[in-house]
């Protein structure tokens, strides 16, 4: 049923009927974590950051006296998980601690050096439960197929994520076929010094919740026709798209209990799921709507 909903919508937009939309106006936006690739048991970027924090704590053991280094050294990530859950509940006190520690890692670093470190992580690090390199396993096969289907029908696809823009860019072409200029995400402040663009010690913006529609307009300049997300932080983006008279908002529901590798969860998506019908979102159930979850 969900597949047919998508096909019918795209057919009406891309056809020659009264609902046909010019190619230049066919824009689709996708969240990343939990939408295009897995975010359990830990968001991919957090795994990368944890490795960096662990190295910093080894170099300076005094860091382990406070969070988030204390949890990383102990190998107990419950505090970090709770910080993310508190964010979804609109409590960012612990998230600010996380951001502060993140800024210490990159302050003064050039964007190219950071890109190289992220690229190496994607090649070498393995997903915590699937046991395969991130570069080859963590994206959802049906979502990549949806990207290709939309593109084949004249859509331009963007990533609009709460994740770090510069963390996603090194992998989006190879995994999704989306170039870096079409990646919209959270960002650390930047400065130009001695011929290099470097990270500052300040945080730019968190591209989540109400910030997503703002960033969509500032970067794309159009209200998209299609939006795909999976969490409460994606609701404003999905609602923004629904305001277009011809639109489709898809909400990915991670309910698969068949052991195919995508852990079922509703945490962080309770509001989105509860309000899906009222908002006109089309819910995509991983268990029933996806024949395959990850690439072979």
Protein backbone atom coordinates (compact mmCIF):
# COMPACT_ATOMS: atom_id res chain seq x y z
CA UNK A 1 0.00 0.00 0.00
CA UNK A 2 2.80 2.43 0.92
CA UNK A 3 4.68 1.65 -2.26
CA UNK A 4 1.57 2.35 -4.34
CA UNK A 5 1.05 5.65 -2.52
CA UNK A 6 4.52 6.74 -3.57
CA UNK A 7 4.10 5.53 -7.15
CA UNK A 8 0.71 7.24 -7.52
CA UNK A 9 2.06 10.51 -6.13
CA UNK A 10 5.15 10.57 -8.33
CA UNK A 11 3.07 9.59 -11.34
CA UNK A 12 0.76 12.54 -10.82
CA UNK A 13 3.65 14.97 -10.34
CA UNK A 14 5.81 13.73 -13.20
CA UNK A 15 3.02 13.03 -15.68
CA UNK A 16 1.30 15.40 -18.08
CA UNK A 17 -1.95 15.71 -16.15
CA UNK A 18 -3.35 18.69 -14.27
CA UNK A 19 -1.08 18.04 -11.24
CA UNK A 20 2.16 17.96 -13.25
CA UNK A 21 4.96 19.99 -11.67
CA UNK A 22 7.95 21.46 -13.58
CA UNK A 23 11.21 19.58 -13.06
CA UNK A 24 12.91 22.55 -11.39
CA UNK A 25 10.24 22.52 -8.65
CA UNK A 26 10.54 18.81 -7.91
CA UNK A 27 12.55 18.85 -4.67
CA UNK A 28 12.76 16.07 -2.07
CA UNK A 29 14.41 16.29 1.37
CA UNK A 30 15.57 13.37 3.50
CA UNK A 31 16.64 13.19 7.11
CA UNK A 32 19.75 11.03 7.56
CA UNK A 33 20.04 9.26 10.94
CA UNK A 34 17.27 6.68 11.19
CA UNK A 35 15.96 7.63 7.73
CA UNK A 36 18.72 6.96 5.20
CA UNK A 37 20.95 4.94 7.50
CA UNK A 38 20.85 3.21 10.86
CA UNK A 39 21.16 5.14 14.13
CA UNK A 40 21.04 2.19 16.53
CA UNK A 41 22.57 1.13 18.83
CA UNK A 42 24.46 4.41 18.50
CA UNK A 43 24.34 7.18 15.88
CA UNK A 44 27.27 6.75 13.52
CA UNK A 45 28.69 10.18 14.22
CA UNK A 46 28.56 9.54 17.95
CA UNK A 47 30.66 6.39 17.42
CA UNK A 48 33.24 8.52 15.61
CA UNK A 49 33.20 11.16 18.34
CA UNK A 50 33.49 8.55 21.09
CA UNK A 51 36.69 7.29 19.49
CA UNK A 52 38.08 10.83 19.45
CA UNK A 53 37.11 11.44 23.09
CA UNK A 54 38.71 8.17 24.15
CA UNK A 55 41.98 9.20 22.49
CA UNK A 56 41.82 12.61 24.20
CA UNK A 57 41.25 10.96 27.60
CA UNK A 58 44.23 8.67 27.06
CA UNK A 59 46.39 11.73 26.37
CA UNK A 60 44.97 13.63 29.35
CA UNK A 61 43.56 11.26 32.05
CA UNK A 62 42.15 14.19 34.03
CA UNK A 63 39.43 14.55 31.41
CA UNK A 64 37.86 11.31 32.68
CA UNK A 65 36.75 13.13 35.82
CA UNK A 66 33.82 14.69 33.95
CA UNK A 67 31.29 13.86 31.25
CA UNK A 68 31.25 12.85 28.49
CA UNK A 69 34.79 11.51 28.91
CA UNK A 70 33.88 9.65 32.11
CA UNK A 71 31.29 7.53 30.29
CA UNK A 72 33.57 6.91 27.32
CA UNK A 73 36.45 5.70 29.49
CA UNK A 74 34.08 3.47 31.47
CA UNK A 75 32.57 2.06 28.30
CA UNK A 76 29.09 2.97 29.57
CA UNK A 77 27.21 5.02 27.00
CA UNK A 78 23.94 5.31 28.90
CA UNK A 79 24.65 8.95 29.81
CA UNK A 80 25.19 9.82 26.15
CA UNK A 81 22.05 7.97 25.12
CA UNK A 82 20.08 9.79 27.80
CA UNK A 83 21.44 13.13 26.56
CA UNK A 84 20.04 12.44 23.11
CA UNK A 85 16.68 11.31 24.52
CA UNK A 86 16.53 14.47 26.67
CA UNK A 87 17.07 16.50 23.52
CA UNK A 88 14.01 14.92 21.93
CA UNK A 89 12.16 15.81 25.14
CA UNK A 90 13.36 19.44 24.66
CA UNK A 91 15.93 19.34 27.46
CA UNK A 92 19.33 20.24 25.99
CA UNK A 93 21.34 20.69 29.20
CA UNK A 94 23.41 17.53 28.70
CA UNK A 95 23.52 18.04 24.94
CA UNK A 96 25.29 21.35 25.55
CA UNK A 97 27.96 19.43 27.49
CA UNK A 98 28.34 17.08 24.54
CA UNK A 99 28.63 19.99 22.11
CA UNK A 100 31.25 21.66 24.31
CA UNK A 101 33.40 18.53 24.29
CA UNK A 102 32.88 18.21 20.54
CA UNK A 103 34.09 21.76 19.92
CA UNK A 104 37.31 21.01 21.80
CA UNK A 105 38.08 18.23 19.32
CA UNK A 106 37.89 20.37 16.20
CA UNK A 107 38.82 23.92 17.26
CA UNK A 108 41.59 25.16 14.97
CA UNK A 109 41.45 22.09 12.70
CA UNK A 110 41.19 22.65 8.95
CA UNK A 111 38.10 21.33 7.22
CA UNK A 112 40.24 19.12 4.96
CA UNK A 113 41.99 17.44 7.91
CA UNK A 114 38.61 16.73 9.48
CA UNK A 115 37.32 15.36 6.19
CA UNK A 116 40.27 12.97 5.96
CA UNK A 117 39.67 11.70 9.52
CA UNK A 118 35.98 11.10 8.81
CA UNK A 119 36.75 9.38 5.52
CA UNK A 120 39.16 7.01 7.30
CA UNK A 121 36.51 6.25 9.93
CA UNK A 122 33.95 5.28 7.28
CA UNK A 123 36.46 2.97 5.61
CA UNK A 124 37.80 1.29 8.74
CA UNK A 125 35.30 1.40 11.62
CA UNK A 126 32.66 -1.31 11.93
CA UNK A 127 29.03 -1.01 12.92
CA UNK A 128 28.66 -2.02 16.56
CA UNK A 129 26.10 -4.80 15.99
CA UNK A 130 26.23 -5.61 12.28
CA UNK A 131 30.01 -6.13 12.32
CA UNK A 132 30.67 -4.69 8.87
CA UNK A 133 32.33 -1.40 7.82
CA UNK A 134 30.08 1.62 7.95
CA UNK A 135 30.80 2.34 4.29
CA UNK A 136 29.16 -0.89 3.16
CA UNK A 137 26.30 -1.68 5.47
CA UNK A 138 24.63 1.08 7.42
CA UNK A 139 22.45 2.65 4.75
CA UNK A 140 18.93 1.37 4.13
CA UNK A 141 18.61 -0.28 0.72
CA UNK A 142 14.93 0.71 0.19
CA UNK A 143 15.76 4.35 0.87
CA UNK A 144 18.55 4.40 -1.71
CA UNK A 145 16.12 2.83 -4.16
CA UNK A 146 13.64 5.61 -3.35
CA UNK A 147 16.32 8.23 -4.03
CA UNK A 148 17.02 6.68 -7.44
CA UNK A 149 13.29 6.43 -8.23
CA UNK A 150 12.68 10.08 -7.44
CA UNK A 151 15.72 11.18 -9.42
CA UNK A 152 14.58 9.14 -12.40
CA UNK A 153 11.36 11.16 -12.28
CA UNK A 154 13.04 14.54 -12.26
CA UNK A 155 13.45 15.17 -8.52
CA UNK A 156 16.50 16.82 -6.97
CA UNK A 157 17.18 15.18 -3.59
CA UNK A 158 18.75 16.84 -0.56
CA UNK A 159 19.80 15.56 2.86
CA UNK A 160 18.51 17.74 5.71
CA UNK A 161 19.79 16.30 8.97
CA UNK A 162 20.47 17.15 12.58
CA UNK A 163 23.83 15.48 12.05
CA UNK A 164 27.03 17.37 11.36
CA UNK A 165 27.08 18.57 7.76
CA UNK A 166 30.83 17.96 7.39
CA UNK A 167 30.60 14.49 8.92
CA UNK A 168 28.04 13.42 6.33
CA UNK A 169 29.63 14.95 3.25
CA UNK A 170 32.53 12.46 2.88
CA UNK A 171 30.10 9.54 2.49
CA UNK A 172 27.00 10.90 0.76
CA UNK A 173 28.17 10.53 -2.84
CA UNK A 174 29.33 6.92 -2.46
CA UNK A 175 26.35 5.79 -0.39
CA UNK A 176 23.49 7.92 -1.68
CA UNK A 177 24.70 9.56 -4.87
CA UNK A 178 24.10 12.98 -3.28
CA UNK A 179 26.91 15.55 -3.74
CA UNK A 180 28.17 17.62 -0.77
CA UNK A 181 26.49 20.80 -1.95
CA UNK A 182 23.13 19.12 -1.36
CA UNK A 183 23.89 18.17 2.25
CA UNK A 184 22.25 20.42 4.86
CA UNK A 185 23.10 19.74 8.49
CA UNK A 186 24.28 21.09 11.82
CA UNK A 187 27.54 23.02 11.73
CA UNK A 188 30.42 24.23 13.85
CA UNK A 189 31.50 27.84 13.28
CA UNK A 190 34.16 28.45 10.65
CA UNK A 191 36.99 30.97 10.25
CA UNK A 192 39.46 31.71 7.46
CA UNK A 193 43.12 31.86 8.48
CA UNK A 194 46.33 31.73 6.43
CA UNK A 195 44.75 30.23 3.36
CA UNK A 196 42.72 27.62 5.28
CA UNK A 197 39.12 27.30 6.39
CA UNK A 198 39.22 26.10 10.00
CA UNK A 199 36.74 25.25 12.73
CA UNK A 200 36.23 27.83 15.44
CA UNK A 201 35.48 27.21 19.10
CA UNK A 202 31.82 28.15 18.68
CA UNK A 203 28.82 26.14 17.55
CA UNK A 204 26.98 27.39 14.48
CA UNK A 205 23.52 25.85 14.60
CA UNK A 206 21.67 22.60 15.33
CA UNK A 207 19.68 21.64 12.24
CA UNK A 208 16.82 19.92 14.03
CA UNK A 209 13.16 20.56 14.80
CA UNK A 210 11.96 24.04 13.72
CA UNK A 211 15.42 24.82 12.36
CA UNK A 212 14.98 22.33 9.53
CA UNK A 213 12.38 24.30 7.53
CA UNK A 214 14.46 27.46 8.08
CA UNK A 215 17.58 25.78 6.72
CA UNK A 216 15.63 24.28 3.82
CA UNK A 217 14.48 27.73 2.74
CA UNK A 218 17.87 29.39 3.28
CA UNK A 219 19.76 26.68 1.37
CA UNK A 220 17.25 25.54 -1.26
CA UNK A 221 14.84 28.46 -1.63
CA UNK A 222 11.86 26.21 -2.38
CA UNK A 223 9.23 24.36 -0.38
CA UNK A 224 9.92 20.68 -1.19
CA UNK A 225 7.25 18.35 -2.53
CA UNK A 226 8.58 15.28 -0.69
CA UNK A 227 10.01 14.94 2.82
CA UNK A 228 11.14 11.78 4.59
CA UNK A 229 11.98 11.53 8.29
CA UNK A 230 11.71 9.21 11.27
CA UNK A 231 11.71 11.18 14.52
CA UNK A 232 10.04 13.95 16.47
CA UNK A 233 12.81 16.29 15.29
CA UNK A 234 11.63 15.77 11.71
CA UNK A 235 8.01 16.75 12.35
CA UNK A 236 8.42 20.47 11.47
CA UNK A 237 10.09 19.50 8.16
CA UNK A 238 7.32 17.02 7.34
CA UNK A 239 4.66 19.57 8.26
CA UNK A 240 6.39 22.26 6.19
CA UNK A 241 6.19 20.06 3.12
CA UNK A 242 2.57 19.11 3.82
CA UNK A 243 1.60 22.78 3.45
CA UNK A 244 2.28 22.46 -0.28
CA UNK A 245 -0.93 21.57 -2.13
CA UNK A 246 0.90 18.71 -3.89
CA UNK A 247 3.10 16.92 -1.38
CA UNK A 248 4.08 13.65 0.26
CA UNK A 249 5.55 13.30 3.77
CA UNK A 250 6.87 9.87 4.70
CA UNK A 251 7.55 8.81 8.31
CA UNK A 252 9.80 5.77 8.73
CA UNK A 253 8.64 3.57 11.62
CA UNK A 254 11.31 1.21 12.94
CA UNK A 255 9.06 -1.65 13.99
CA UNK A 256 10.93 -4.61 12.45
CA UNK A 257 11.18 -7.48 14.95
CA UNK A 258 12.26 -10.11 12.42
CA UNK A 259 15.98 -9.96 13.24
CA UNK A 260 17.14 -8.37 9.99
CA UNK A 261 19.47 -6.01 11.84
CA UNK A 262 17.37 -2.87 12.30
CA UNK A 263 16.44 -2.77 15.97
CA UNK A 264 12.77 -1.85 16.57
CA UNK A 265 12.22 1.34 18.53
CA UNK A 266 9.75 4.19 19.01
CA UNK A 267 11.84 6.26 21.44
CA UNK A 268 12.30 9.75 20.09
CA UNK A 269 9.45 9.29 17.60
CA UNK A 270 6.46 9.11 19.94
CA UNK A 271 5.00 12.49 18.95
CA UNK A 272 5.61 11.92 15.25
CA UNK A 273 3.88 8.54 15.28
CA UNK A 274 0.98 9.68 17.46
CA UNK A 275 0.28 12.65 15.19
CA UNK A 276 0.96 10.98 11.84
CA UNK A 277 -2.68 10.58 10.81
CA UNK A 278 -3.67 14.08 11.89
CA UNK A 279 -0.70 15.57 10.03
CA UNK A 280 -1.30 13.54 6.88
CA UNK A 281 2.02 11.69 7.11
CA UNK A 282 2.33 8.36 5.30
CA UNK A 283 3.87 5.87 7.75
CA UNK A 284 6.39 3.43 6.28
CA UNK A 285 6.60 0.31 8.46
CA UNK A 286 10.02 -1.30 8.15
CA UNK A 287 8.64 -4.73 9.09
CA UNK A 288 5.94 -4.85 6.44
CA UNK A 289 7.01 -2.39 3.74
CA UNK A 290 10.70 -3.21 3.29
CA UNK A 291 11.55 -6.53 1.63
CA UNK A 292 15.21 -5.92 2.47
CA UNK A 293 16.71 -3.58 5.08
CA UNK A 294 20.44 -3.43 4.36
CA UNK A 295 22.42 -4.09 1.16
CA UNK A 296 23.77 -7.58 0.70
